[in-house]
Amino acid sequence: MSAILDPEDMPILDLDLSDTKPFEASRFLDSPETIAAFLAQAMKANDAQTLMHALREVAKAKGVNQFAQEAGVNRESLYKTLKGADKTRFSTVQKLLLALGVELTVRPLEKLSASS
């Protein structure tokens, strides 16, 4: 038997966050394997904005100029692409993934449980 937690009963922590820095995934994206795992996780969200955010982090890790050059797009176009996921062409996303040395793969989804 598990107790149901009421948010009102939760303690309020008085934390000093003044010396903390925001998490930047780009600092840890240092290999093709790490980049591929990071992007695969972003894809699981089934959200274009999440994927574009992940690609922005990868662009920062690689260097925006280098990434744009490898993808065959200019830097301004890359910034614009990574900002607006809803109208981004699939062919552009393909170019970015190819420049990273990763590919999009397809596999069947696990069946959802009856309670979902």
PDB file of N, CA and C in Angstrom:
ATOM      1  N   MET A   1       0.844  -1.169   0.000  1.00  0.00           N
ATOM      2  CA  MET A   1       0.000   0.000   0.000  1.00  0.00           C
ATOM      3  C   MET A   1       0.888   1.230   0.000  1.00  0.00           C
ATOM      4  N   SER A   2       0.687   2.109  -0.974  1.00  0.00           N
ATOM      5  CA  SER A   2       1.529   3.303  -1.063  1.00  0.00           C
ATOM      6  C   SER A   2       0.727   4.539  -0.654  1.00  0.00           C
ATOM      7  N   ALA A   3       1.421   5.413   0.012  1.00  0.00           N
ATOM      8  CA  ALA A   3       0.771   6.656   0.461  1.00  0.00           C
ATOM      9  C   ALA A   3       0.720   7.642  -0.700  1.00  0.00           C
ATOM     10  N   ILE A   4      -0.353   8.370  -0.808  1.00  0.00           N
ATOM     11  CA  ILE A   4      -0.483   9.391  -1.841  1.00  0.00           C
ATOM     12  C   ILE A   4       0.079  10.691  -1.290  1.00  0.00           C
ATOM     13  N   LEU A   5       1.022  11.249  -2.034  1.00  0.00           N
ATOM     14  CA  LEU A   5       1.651  12.496  -1.587  1.00  0.00           C
ATOM     15  C   LEU A   5       0.837  13.689  -2.040  1.00  0.00           C
ATOM     16  N   ASP A   6       0.598  14.572  -1.138  1.00  0.00           N
ATOM     17  CA  ASP A   6      -0.083  15.827  -1.438  1.00  0.00           C
ATOM     18  C   ASP A   6       0.993  16.903  -1.563  1.00  0.00           C
ATOM     19  N   PRO A   7       1.056  17.620  -2.686  1.00  0.00           N
ATOM     20  CA  PRO A   7       2.083  18.660  -2.857  1.00  0.00           C
ATOM     21  C   PRO A   7       2.096  19.685  -1.719  1.00  0.00           C
ATOM     22  N   GLU A   8       0.958  19.897  -1.101  1.00  0.00           N
ATOM     23  CA  GLU A   8       0.888  20.844   0.014  1.00  0.00           C
ATOM     24  C   GLU A   8       1.680  20.361   1.229  1.00  0.00           C
ATOM     25  N   ASP A   9       1.879  19.039   1.322  1.00  0.00           N
ATOM     26  CA  ASP A   9       2.618  18.473   2.447  1.00  0.00           C
ATOM     27  C   ASP A   9       4.127  18.441   2.213  1.00  0.00           C
ATOM     28  N   MET A  10       4.546  18.788   1.013  1.00  0.00           N
ATOM     29  CA  MET A  10       5.968  18.732   0.676  1.00  0.00           C
ATOM     30  C   MET A  10       6.716  19.889   1.331  1.00  0.00           C
ATOM     31  N   PRO A  11       7.904  19.616   1.851  1.00  0.00           N
ATOM     32  CA  PRO A  11       8.668  20.705   2.474  1.00  0.00           C
ATOM     33  C   PRO A  11       9.190  21.668   1.418  1.00  0.00           C
ATOM     34  N   ILE A  12       9.301  22.904   1.770  1.00  0.00           N
ATOM     35  CA  ILE A  12       9.875  23.903   0.878  1.00  0.00           C
ATOM     36  C   ILE A  12      11.335  24.039   1.258  1.00  0.00           C
ATOM     37  N   LEU A  13      12.190  23.788   0.288  1.00  0.00           N
ATOM     38  CA  LEU A  13      13.624  23.850   0.537  1.00  0.00           C
ATOM     39  C   LEU A  13      14.129  25.263   0.290  1.00  0.00           C
ATOM     40  N   ASP A  14      14.944  25.717   1.176  1.00  0.00           N
ATOM     41  CA  ASP A  14      15.563  27.027   1.014  1.00  0.00           C
ATOM     42  C   ASP A  14      16.969  26.796   0.480  1.00  0.00           C
ATOM     43  N   LEU A  15      17.084  26.756  -0.847  1.00  0.00           N
ATOM     44  CA  LEU A  15      18.361  26.466  -1.478  1.00  0.00           C
ATOM     45  C   LEU A  15      19.001  27.735  -2.025  1.00  0.00           C
ATOM     46  N   ASP A  16      20.296  27.828  -1.879  1.00  0.00           N
ATOM     47  CA  ASP A  16      21.039  28.938  -2.461  1.00  0.00           C
ATOM     48  C   ASP A  16      21.576  28.467  -3.809  1.00  0.00           C
ATOM     49  N   LEU A  17      20.978  28.929  -4.880  1.00  0.00           N
ATOM     50  CA  LEU A  17      21.371  28.516  -6.227  1.00  0.00           C
ATOM     51  C   LEU A  17      22.192  29.580  -6.938  1.00  0.00           C
ATOM     52  N   SER A  18      22.673  30.556  -6.199  1.00  0.00           N
ATOM     53  CA  SER A  18      23.370  31.679  -6.818  1.00  0.00           C
ATOM     54  C   SER A  18      24.662  31.276  -7.517  1.00  0.00           C
ATOM     55  N   ASP A  19      25.311  30.206  -7.073  1.00  0.00           N
ATOM     56  CA  ASP A  19      26.568  29.795  -7.694  1.00  0.00           C
ATOM     57  C   ASP A  19      26.396  28.674  -8.712  1.00  0.00           C
ATOM     58  N   THR A  20      25.155  28.326  -9.036  1.00  0.00           N
ATOM     59  CA  THR A  20      24.936  27.253  -9.993  1.00  0.00           C
ATOM     60  C   THR A  20      24.887  27.811 -11.408  1.00  0.00           C
ATOM     61  N   LYS A  21      25.182  26.944 -12.351  1.00  0.00           N
ATOM     62  CA  LYS A  21      25.142  27.320 -13.758  1.00  0.00           C
ATOM     63  C   LYS A  21      24.087  26.463 -14.445  1.00  0.00           C
ATOM     64  N   PRO A  22      23.467  26.994 -15.512  1.00  0.00           N
ATOM     65  CA  PRO A  22      22.487  26.174 -16.234  1.00  0.00           C
ATOM     66  C   PRO A  22      23.181  24.974 -16.875  1.00  0.00           C
ATOM     67  N   PHE A  23      22.466  23.866 -16.962  1.00  0.00           N
ATOM     68  CA  PHE A  23      23.012  22.673 -17.596  1.00  0.00           C
ATOM     69  C   PHE A  23      23.120  22.902 -19.095  1.00  0.00           C
ATOM     70  N   GLU A  24      24.270  22.630 -19.625  1.00  0.00           N
ATOM     71  CA  GLU A  24      24.481  22.722 -21.066  1.00  0.00           C
ATOM     72  C   GLU A  24      24.964  21.375 -21.565  1.00  0.00           C
ATOM     73  N   ALA A  25      24.083  20.683 -22.247  1.00  0.00           N
ATOM     74  CA  ALA A  25      24.421  19.359 -22.763  1.00  0.00           C
ATOM     75  C   ALA A  25      25.610  19.420 -23.708  1.00  0.00           C
ATOM     76  N   SER A  26      25.781  20.538 -24.394  1.00  0.00           N
ATOM     77  CA  SER A  26      26.854  20.663 -25.380  1.00  0.00           C
ATOM     78  C   SER A  26      28.234  20.386 -24.781  1.00  0.00           C
ATOM     79  N   ARG A  27      28.386  20.615 -23.492  1.00  0.00           N
ATOM     80  CA  ARG A  27      29.676  20.378 -22.838  1.00  0.00           C
ATOM     81  C   ARG A  27      30.026  18.897 -22.784  1.00  0.00           C
ATOM     82  N   PHE A  28      29.033  18.026 -22.952  1.00  0.00           N
ATOM     83  CA  PHE A  28      29.249  16.595 -22.822  1.00  0.00           C
ATOM     84  C   PHE A  28      29.140  15.839 -24.149  1.00  0.00           C
ATOM     85  N   LEU A  29      28.830  16.540 -25.211  1.00  0.00           N
ATOM     86  CA  LEU A  29      28.639  15.902 -26.516  1.00  0.00           C
ATOM     87  C   LEU A  29      29.972  15.870 -27.259  1.00  0.00           C
ATOM     88  N   ASP A  30      30.824  14.945 -26.859  1.00  0.00           N
ATOM     89  CA  ASP A  30      32.192  14.949 -27.347  1.00  0.00           C
ATOM     90  C   ASP A  30      32.561  13.755 -28.230  1.00  0.00           C
ATOM     91  N   SER A  31      31.579  12.945 -28.594  1.00  0.00           N
ATOM     92  CA  SER A  31      31.857  11.811 -29.487  1.00  0.00           C
ATOM     93  C   SER A  31      30.612  11.527 -30.328  1.00  0.00           C
ATOM     94  N   PRO A  32      30.809  10.894 -31.483  1.00  0.00           N
ATOM     95  CA  PRO A  32      29.646  10.549 -32.314  1.00  0.00           C
ATOM     96  C   PRO A  32      28.654   9.651 -31.581  1.00  0.00           C
ATOM     97  N   GLU A  33      29.150   8.766 -30.728  1.00  0.00           N
ATOM     98  CA  GLU A  33      28.274   7.866 -29.985  1.00  0.00           C
ATOM     99  C   GLU A  33      27.411   8.644 -28.990  1.00  0.00           C
ATOM    100  N   THR A  34      28.020   9.604 -28.301  1.00  0.00           N
ATOM    101  CA  THR A  34      27.284  10.417 -27.339  1.00  0.00           C
ATOM    102  C   THR A  34      26.254  11.278 -28.047  1.00  0.00           C
ATOM    103  N   ILE A  35      26.658  11.863 -29.171  1.00  0.00           N
ATOM    104  CA  ILE A  35      25.731  12.690 -29.955  1.00  0.00           C
ATOM    105  C   ILE A  35      24.553  11.852 -30.430  1.00  0.00           C
ATOM    106  N   ALA A  36      24.836  10.652 -30.940  1.00  0.00           N
ATOM    107  CA  ALA A  36      23.763   9.776 -31.431  1.00  0.00           C
ATOM    108  C   ALA A  36      22.810   9.393 -30.297  1.00  0.00           C
ATOM    109  N   ALA A  37      23.338   9.063 -29.138  1.00  0.00           N
ATOM    110  CA  ALA A  37      22.488   8.692 -28.005  1.00  0.00           C
ATOM    111  C   ALA A  37      21.646   9.877 -27.546  1.00  0.00           C
ATOM    112  N   PHE A  38      22.236  11.061 -27.535  1.00  0.00           N
ATOM    113  CA  PHE A  38      21.529  12.279 -27.124  1.00  0.00           C
ATOM    114  C   PHE A  38      20.377  12.577 -28.083  1.00  0.00           C
ATOM    115  N   LEU A  39      20.638  12.498 -29.382  1.00  0.00           N
ATOM    116  CA  LEU A  39      19.599  12.770 -30.372  1.00  0.00           C
ATOM    117  C   LEU A  39      18.521  11.681 -30.355  1.00  0.00           C
ATOM    118  N   ALA A  40      18.918  10.439 -30.135  1.00  0.00           N
ATOM    119  CA  ALA A  40      17.934   9.351 -30.061  1.00  0.00           C
ATOM    120  C   ALA A  40      16.985   9.577 -28.888  1.00  0.00           C
ATOM    121  N   GLN A  41      17.526  10.024 -27.781  1.00  0.00           N
ATOM    122  CA  GLN A  41      16.687  10.311 -26.621  1.00  0.00           C
ATOM    123  C   GLN A  41      15.735  11.467 -26.923  1.00  0.00           C
ATOM    124  N   ALA A  42      16.232  12.483 -27.619  1.00  0.00           N
ATOM    125  CA  ALA A  42      15.385  13.619 -27.988  1.00  0.00           C
ATOM    126  C   ALA A  42      14.265  13.177 -28.926  1.00  0.00           C
ATOM    127  N   MET A  43      14.558  12.257 -29.819  1.00  0.00           N
ATOM    128  CA  MET A  43      13.548  11.763 -30.753  1.00  0.00           C
ATOM    129  C   MET A  43      12.420  11.037 -30.031  1.00  0.00           C
ATOM    130  N   LYS A  44      12.729  10.420 -28.906  1.00  0.00           N
ATOM    131  CA  LYS A  44      11.704   9.676 -28.165  1.00  0.00           C
ATOM    132  C   LYS A  44      10.607  10.594 -27.642  1.00  0.00           C
ATOM    133  N   ALA A  45      10.872  11.880 -27.555  1.00  0.00           N
ATOM    134  CA  ALA A  45       9.865  12.822 -27.069  1.00  0.00           C
ATOM    135  C   ALA A  45       8.755  13.050 -28.097  1.00  0.00           C
ATOM    136  N   ASN A  46       8.995  12.669 -29.345  1.00  0.00           N
ATOM    137  CA  ASN A  46       8.021  12.884 -30.424  1.00  0.00           C
ATOM    138  C   ASN A  46       7.587  14.338 -30.509  1.00  0.00           C
ATOM    139  N   ASP A  47       8.557  15.229 -30.363  1.00  0.00           N
ATOM    140  CA  ASP A  47       8.274  16.655 -30.374  1.00  0.00           C
ATOM    141  C   ASP A  47       9.363  17.354 -31.182  1.00  0.00           C
ATOM    142  N   ALA A  48       8.959  18.069 -32.217  1.00  0.00           N
ATOM    143  CA  ALA A  48       9.917  18.734 -33.091  1.00  0.00           C
ATOM    144  C   ALA A  48      10.772  19.760 -32.345  1.00  0.00           C
ATOM    145  N   GLN A  49      10.172  20.488 -31.409  1.00  0.00           N
ATOM    146  CA  GLN A  49      10.932  21.494 -30.654  1.00  0.00           C
ATOM    147  C   GLN A  49      12.034  20.840 -29.816  1.00  0.00           C
ATOM    148  N   THR A  50      11.744  19.679 -29.250  1.00  0.00           N
ATOM    149  CA  THR A  50      12.742  18.968 -28.450  1.00  0.00           C
ATOM    150  C   THR A  50      13.905  18.529 -29.331  1.00  0.00           C
ATOM    151  N   LEU A  51      13.603  18.020 -30.515  1.00  0.00           N
ATOM    152  CA  LEU A  51      14.663  17.618 -31.438  1.00  0.00           C
ATOM    153  C   LEU A  51      15.498  18.819 -31.850  1.00  0.00           C
ATOM    154  N   MET A  52      14.848  19.935 -32.156  1.00  0.00           N
ATOM    155  CA  MET A  52      15.595  21.121 -32.569  1.00  0.00           C
ATOM    156  C   MET A  52      16.464  21.655 -31.428  1.00  0.00           C
ATOM    157  N   HIS A  53      15.958  21.578 -30.206  1.00  0.00           N
ATOM    158  CA  HIS A  53      16.768  21.991 -29.060  1.00  0.00           C
ATOM    159  C   HIS A  53      18.005  21.093 -28.945  1.00  0.00           C
ATOM    160  N   ALA A  54      17.813  19.800 -29.131  1.00  0.00           N
ATOM    161  CA  ALA A  54      18.941  18.868 -29.077  1.00  0.00           C
ATOM    162  C   ALA A  54      19.939  19.171 -30.186  1.00  0.00           C
ATOM    163  N   LEU A  55      19.450  19.452 -31.384  1.00  0.00           N
ATOM    164  CA  LEU A  55      20.351  19.796 -32.487  1.00  0.00           C
ATOM    165  C   LEU A  55      21.095  21.109 -32.211  1.00  0.00           C
ATOM    166  N   ARG A  56      20.435  22.062 -31.533  1.00  0.00           N
ATOM    167  CA  ARG A  56      21.124  23.306 -31.144  1.00  0.00           C
ATOM    168  C   ARG A  56      22.280  23.003 -30.198  1.00  0.00           C
ATOM    169  N   GLU A  57      22.046  22.109 -29.253  1.00  0.00           N
ATOM    170  CA  GLU A  57      23.110  21.733 -28.315  1.00  0.00           C
ATOM    171  C   GLU A  57      24.274  21.066 -29.054  1.00  0.00           C
ATOM    172  N   VAL A  58      23.954  20.229 -30.024  1.00  0.00           N
ATOM    173  CA  VAL A  58      24.998  19.572 -30.815  1.00  0.00           C
ATOM    174  C   VAL A  58      25.757  20.607 -31.640  1.00  0.00           C
ATOM    175  N   ALA A  59      25.034  21.561 -32.209  1.00  0.00           N
ATOM    176  CA  ALA A  59      25.682  22.620 -32.985  1.00  0.00           C
ATOM    177  C   ALA A  59      26.658  23.400 -32.114  1.00  0.00           C
ATOM    178  N   LYS A  60      26.265  23.706 -30.888  1.00  0.00           N
ATOM    179  CA  LYS A  60      27.169  24.398 -29.957  1.00  0.00           C
ATOM    180  C   LYS A  60      28.395  23.546 -29.665  1.00  0.00           C
ATOM    181  N   ALA A  61      28.178  22.247 -29.484  1.00  0.00           N
ATOM    182  CA  ALA A  61      29.287  21.346 -29.161  1.00  0.00           C
ATOM    183  C   ALA A  61      30.293  21.268 -30.309  1.00  0.00           C
ATOM    184  N   LYS A  62      29.796  21.208 -31.524  1.00  0.00           N
ATOM    185  CA  LYS A  62      30.672  21.087 -32.693  1.00  0.00           C
ATOM    186  C   LYS A  62      31.235  22.421 -33.150  1.00  0.00           C
ATOM    187  N   GLY A  63      30.560  23.484 -32.796  1.00  0.00           N
ATOM    188  CA  GLY A  63      30.904  24.796 -33.336  1.00  0.00           C
ATOM    189  C   GLY A  63      29.953  25.086 -34.477  1.00  0.00           C
ATOM    190  N   VAL A  64      29.195  26.153 -34.344  1.00  0.00           N
ATOM    191  CA  VAL A  64      28.136  26.442 -35.308  1.00  0.00           C
ATOM    192  C   VAL A  64      28.686  26.601 -36.719  1.00  0.00           C
ATOM    193  N   ASN A  65      29.798  27.324 -36.865  1.00  0.00           N
ATOM    194  CA  ASN A  65      30.363  27.527 -38.209  1.00  0.00           C
ATOM    195  C   ASN A  65      30.764  26.207 -38.848  1.00  0.00           C
ATOM    196  N   GLN A  66      31.449  25.363 -38.087  1.00  0.00           N
ATOM    197  CA  GLN A  66      31.884  24.072 -38.610  1.00  0.00           C
ATOM    198  C   GLN A  66      30.694  23.195 -38.965  1.00  0.00           C
ATOM    199  N   PHE A  67      29.697  23.162 -38.079  1.00  0.00           N
ATOM    200  CA  PHE A  67      28.506  22.350 -38.308  1.00  0.00           C
ATOM    201  C   PHE A  67      27.767  22.819 -39.555  1.00  0.00           C
ATOM    202  N   ALA A  68      27.607  24.122 -39.712  1.00  0.00           N
ATOM    203  CA  ALA A  68      26.923  24.666 -40.893  1.00  0.00           C
ATOM    204  C   ALA A  68      27.675  24.290 -42.165  1.00  0.00           C
ATOM    205  N   GLN A  69      28.989  24.420 -42.113  1.00  0.00           N
ATOM    206  CA  GLN A  69      29.802  24.095 -43.292  1.00  0.00           C
ATOM    207  C   GLN A  69      29.669  22.613 -43.643  1.00  0.00           C
ATOM    208  N   GLU A  70      29.746  21.748 -42.642  1.00  0.00           N
ATOM    209  CA  GLU A  70      29.632  20.308 -42.888  1.00  0.00           C
ATOM    210  C   GLU A  70      28.251  19.929 -43.411  1.00  0.00           C
ATOM    211  N   ALA A  71      27.224  20.668 -43.006  1.00  0.00           N
ATOM    212  CA  ALA A  71      25.860  20.382 -43.459  1.00  0.00           C
ATOM    213  C   ALA A  71      25.551  21.026 -44.808  1.00  0.00           C
ATOM    214  N   GLY A  72      26.426  21.908 -45.256  1.00  0.00           N
ATOM    215  CA  GLY A  72      26.207  22.571 -46.543  1.00  0.00           C
ATOM    216  C   GLY A  72      25.170  23.671 -46.488  1.00  0.00           C
ATOM    217  N   VAL A  73      25.055  24.310 -45.322  1.00  0.00           N
ATOM    218  CA  VAL A  73      24.134  25.441 -45.172  1.00  0.00           C
ATOM    219  C   VAL A  73      24.917  26.606 -44.594  1.00  0.00           C
ATOM    220  N   ASN A  74      24.413  27.831 -44.814  1.00  0.00           N
ATOM    221  CA  ASN A  74      25.125  28.950 -44.203  1.00  0.00           C
ATOM    222  C   ASN A  74      24.712  29.078 -42.742  1.00  0.00           C
ATOM    223  N   ARG A  75      25.528  29.778 -41.986  1.00  0.00           N
ATOM    224  CA  ARG A  75      25.329  29.874 -40.540  1.00  0.00           C
ATOM    225  C   ARG A  75      23.982  30.476 -40.179  1.00  0.00           C
ATOM    226  N   GLU A  76      23.582  31.520 -40.906  1.00  0.00           N
ATOM    227  CA  GLU A  76      22.305  32.172 -40.627  1.00  0.00           C
ATOM    228  C   GLU A  76      21.139  31.217 -40.859  1.00  0.00           C
ATOM    229  N   SER A  77      21.218  30.429 -41.928  1.00  0.00           N
ATOM    230  CA  SER A  77      20.168  29.442 -42.211  1.00  0.00           C
ATOM    231  C   SER A  77      20.120  28.379 -41.129  1.00  0.00           C
ATOM    232  N   LEU A  78      21.287  28.000 -40.630  1.00  0.00           N
ATOM    233  CA  LEU A  78      21.329  27.002 -39.569  1.00  0.00           C
ATOM    234  C   LEU A  78      20.647  27.532 -38.311  1.00  0.00           C
ATOM    235  N   TYR A  79      20.976  28.768 -37.937  1.00  0.00           N
ATOM    236  CA  TYR A  79      20.330  29.368 -36.765  1.00  0.00           C
ATOM    237  C   TYR A  79      18.811  29.408 -36.943  1.00  0.00           C
ATOM    238  N   LYS A  80      18.385  29.836 -38.120  1.00  0.00           N
ATOM    239  CA  LYS A  80      16.949  29.931 -38.401  1.00  0.00           C
ATOM    240  C   LYS A  80      16.285  28.547 -38.343  1.00  0.00           C
ATOM    241  N   THR A  81      16.939  27.554 -38.899  1.00  0.00           N
ATOM    242  CA  THR A  81      16.414  26.191 -38.896  1.00  0.00           C
ATOM    243  C   THR A  81      16.268  25.664 -37.475  1.00  0.00           C
ATOM    244  N   LEU A  82      17.282  25.882 -36.662  1.00  0.00           N
ATOM    245  CA  LEU A  82      17.266  25.335 -35.310  1.00  0.00           C
ATOM    246  C   LEU A  82      16.321  26.088 -34.382  1.00  0.00           C
ATOM    247  N   LYS A  83      15.904  27.270 -34.786  1.00  0.00           N
ATOM    248  CA  LYS A  83      14.943  28.045 -33.988  1.00  0.00           C
ATOM    249  C   LYS A  83      13.510  27.600 -34.236  1.00  0.00           C
ATOM    250  N   GLY A  84      13.154  27.387 -35.502  1.00  0.00           N
ATOM    251  CA  GLY A  84      11.749  27.133 -35.853  1.00  0.00           C
ATOM    252  C   GLY A  84      11.499  25.740 -36.344  1.00  0.00           C
ATOM    253  N   ALA A  85      11.255  24.809 -35.443  1.00  0.00           N
ATOM    254  CA  ALA A  85      11.114  23.402 -35.807  1.00  0.00           C
ATOM    255  C   ALA A  85       9.854  23.100 -36.613  1.00  0.00           C
ATOM    256  N   ASP A  86       8.787  23.846 -36.417  1.00  0.00           N
ATOM    257  CA  ASP A  86       7.517  23.495 -37.044  1.00  0.00           C
ATOM    258  C   ASP A  86       7.533  23.588 -38.567  1.00  0.00           C
ATOM    259  N   LYS A  87       8.348  24.472 -39.112  1.00  0.00           N
ATOM    260  CA  LYS A  87       8.346  24.648 -40.563  1.00  0.00           C
ATOM    261  C   LYS A  87       9.638  24.159 -41.204  1.00  0.00           C
ATOM    262  N   THR A  88      10.439  23.442 -40.456  1.00  0.00           N
ATOM    263  CA  THR A  88      11.700  22.937 -40.978  1.00  0.00           C
ATOM    264  C   THR A  88      11.439  21.782 -41.926  1.00  0.00           C
ATOM    265  N   ARG A  89      12.108  21.816 -43.060  1.00  0.00           N
ATOM    266  CA  ARG A  89      11.956  20.744 -44.043  1.00  0.00           C
ATOM    267  C   ARG A  89      12.704  19.503 -43.577  1.00  0.00           C
ATOM    268  N   PHE A  90      12.130  18.361 -43.920  1.00  0.00           N
ATOM    269  CA  PHE A  90      12.783  17.107 -43.576  1.00  0.00           C
ATOM    270  C   PHE A  90      14.148  17.013 -44.244  1.00  0.00           C
ATOM    271  N   SER A  91      14.257  17.502 -45.464  1.00  0.00           N
ATOM    272  CA  SER A  91      15.537  17.433 -46.177  1.00  0.00           C
ATOM    273  C   SER A  91      16.620  18.212 -45.431  1.00  0.00           C
ATOM    274  N   THR A  92      16.246  19.289 -44.767  1.00  0.00           N
ATOM    275  CA  THR A  92      17.210  20.061 -43.985  1.00  0.00           C
ATOM    276  C   THR A  92      17.656  19.264 -42.766  1.00  0.00           C
ATOM    277  N   VAL A  93      16.700  18.645 -42.080  1.00  0.00           N
ATOM    278  CA  VAL A  93      17.042  17.813 -40.920  1.00  0.00           C
ATOM    279  C   VAL A  93      17.952  16.672 -41.363  1.00  0.00           C
ATOM    280  N   GLN A  94      17.658  16.088 -42.524  1.00  0.00           N
ATOM    281  CA  GLN A  94      18.499  15.016 -43.062  1.00  0.00           C
ATOM    282  C   GLN A  94      19.929  15.502 -43.270  1.00  0.00           C
ATOM    283  N   LYS A  95      20.094  16.684 -43.844  1.00  0.00           N
ATOM    284  CA  LYS A  95      21.435  17.249 -44.051  1.00  0.00           C
ATOM    285  C   LYS A  95      22.178  17.401 -42.732  1.00  0.00           C
ATOM    286  N   LEU A  96      21.467  17.886 -41.721  1.00  0.00           N
ATOM    287  CA  LEU A  96      22.100  18.083 -40.417  1.00  0.00           C
ATOM    288  C   LEU A  96      22.527  16.748 -39.818  1.00  0.00           C
ATOM    289  N   LEU A  97      21.660  15.756 -39.892  1.00  0.00           N
ATOM    290  CA  LEU A  97      21.994  14.449 -39.344  1.00  0.00           C
ATOM    291  C   LEU A  97      23.159  13.815 -40.084  1.00  0.00           C
ATOM    292  N   LEU A  98      23.156  13.931 -41.407  1.00  0.00           N
ATOM    293  CA  LEU A  98      24.268  13.384 -42.193  1.00  0.00           C
ATOM    294  C   LEU A  98      25.584  14.075 -41.850  1.00  0.00           C
ATOM    295  N   ALA A  99      25.532  15.381 -41.642  1.00  0.00           N
ATOM    296  CA  ALA A  99      26.740  16.126 -41.267  1.00  0.00           C
ATOM    297  C   ALA A  99      27.272  15.663 -39.913  1.00  0.00           C
ATOM    298  N   LEU A 100      26.381  15.162 -39.062  1.00  0.00           N
ATOM    299  CA  LEU A 100      26.792  14.661 -37.753  1.00  0.00           C
ATOM    300  C   LEU A 100      27.257  13.208 -37.811  1.00  0.00           C
ATOM    301  N   GLY A 101      27.030  12.570 -38.955  1.00  0.00           N
ATOM    302  CA  GLY A 101      27.410  11.171 -39.088  1.00  0.00           C
ATOM    303  C   GLY A 101      26.449  10.228 -38.389  1.00  0.00           C
ATOM    304  N   VAL A 102      25.185  10.642 -38.285  1.00  0.00           N
ATOM    305  CA  VAL A 102      24.157   9.788 -37.686  1.00  0.00           C
ATOM    306  C   VAL A 102      23.021   9.628 -38.689  1.00  0.00           C
ATOM    307  N   GLU A 103      22.217   8.596 -38.461  1.00  0.00           N
ATOM    308  CA  GLU A 103      21.088   8.366 -39.351  1.00  0.00           C
ATOM    309  C   GLU A 103      19.822   8.175 -38.556  1.00  0.00           C
ATOM    310  N   LEU A 104      18.731   8.452 -39.205  1.00  0.00           N
ATOM    311  CA  LEU A 104      17.419   8.228 -38.617  1.00  0.00           C
ATOM    312  C   LEU A 104      17.044   6.785 -38.902  1.00  0.00           C
ATOM    313  N   THR A 105      16.620   6.063 -37.893  1.00  0.00           N
ATOM    314  CA  THR A 105      16.225   4.669 -38.095  1.00  0.00           C
ATOM    315  C   THR A 105      14.770   4.492 -37.690  1.00  0.00           C
ATOM    316  N   VAL A 106      14.181   3.422 -38.183  1.00  0.00           N
ATOM    317  CA  VAL A 106      12.780   3.153 -37.915  1.00  0.00           C
ATOM    318  C   VAL A 106      12.677   1.767 -37.291  1.00  0.00           C
ATOM    319  N   ARG A 107      11.861   1.681 -36.239  1.00  0.00           N
ATOM    320  CA  ARG A 107      11.600   0.396 -35.604  1.00  0.00           C
ATOM    321  C   ARG A 107      10.176   0.422 -35.080  1.00  0.00           C
ATOM    322  N   PRO A 108       9.578  -0.743 -34.917  1.00  0.00           N
ATOM    323  CA  PRO A 108       8.213  -0.754 -34.401  1.00  0.00           C
ATOM    324  C   PRO A 108       8.185  -0.284 -32.946  1.00  0.00           C
ATOM    325  N   LEU A 109       7.117   0.405 -32.594  1.00  0.00           N
ATOM    326  CA  LEU A 109       6.922   0.839 -31.217  1.00  0.00           C
ATOM    327  C   LEU A 109       6.517  -0.338 -30.362  1.00  0.00           C
ATOM    328  N   GLU A 110       6.884  -0.279 -29.099  1.00  0.00           N
ATOM    329  CA  GLU A 110       6.413  -1.306 -28.178  1.00  0.00           C
ATOM    330  C   GLU A 110       4.915  -1.085 -28.000  1.00  0.00           C
ATOM    331  N   LYS A 111       4.172  -2.156 -27.887  1.00  0.00           N
ATOM    332  CA  LYS A 111       2.731  -2.025 -27.711  1.00  0.00           C
ATOM    333  C   LYS A 111       2.436  -1.336 -26.402  1.00  0.00           C
ATOM    334  N   LEU A 112       1.482  -0.423 -26.451  1.00  0.00           N
ATOM    335  CA  LEU A 112       1.068   0.283 -25.245  1.00  0.00           C
ATOM    336  C   LEU A 112       0.257  -0.647 -24.381  1.00  0.00           C
ATOM    337  N   SER A 113       0.431  -0.537 -23.077  1.00  0.00           N
ATOM    338  CA  SER A 113      -0.356  -1.385 -22.168  1.00  0.00           C
ATOM    339  C   SER A 113      -1.807  -0.943 -22.195  1.00  0.00           C
ATOM    340  N   ALA A 114      -2.697  -1.819 -21.813  1.00  0.00           N
ATOM    341  CA  ALA A 114      -4.136  -1.524 -21.829  1.00  0.00           C
ATOM    342  C   ALA A 114      -4.497  -0.398 -20.888  1.00  0.00           C
ATOM    343  N   SER A 115      -3.688  -0.168 -19.853  1.00  0.00           N
ATOM    344  CA  SER A 115      -4.019   0.899 -18.895  1.00  0.00           C
ATOM    345  C   SER A 115      -3.615   2.284 -19.379  1.00  0.00           C
ATOM    346  N   SER A 116      -2.863   2.365 -20.482  1.00  0.00           N
ATOM    347  CA  SER A 116      -2.420   3.672 -20.984  1.00  0.00           C
ATOM    348  C   SER A 116      -3.506   4.407 -21.687  1.00  0.00           C
TER     349      SER A 116
END
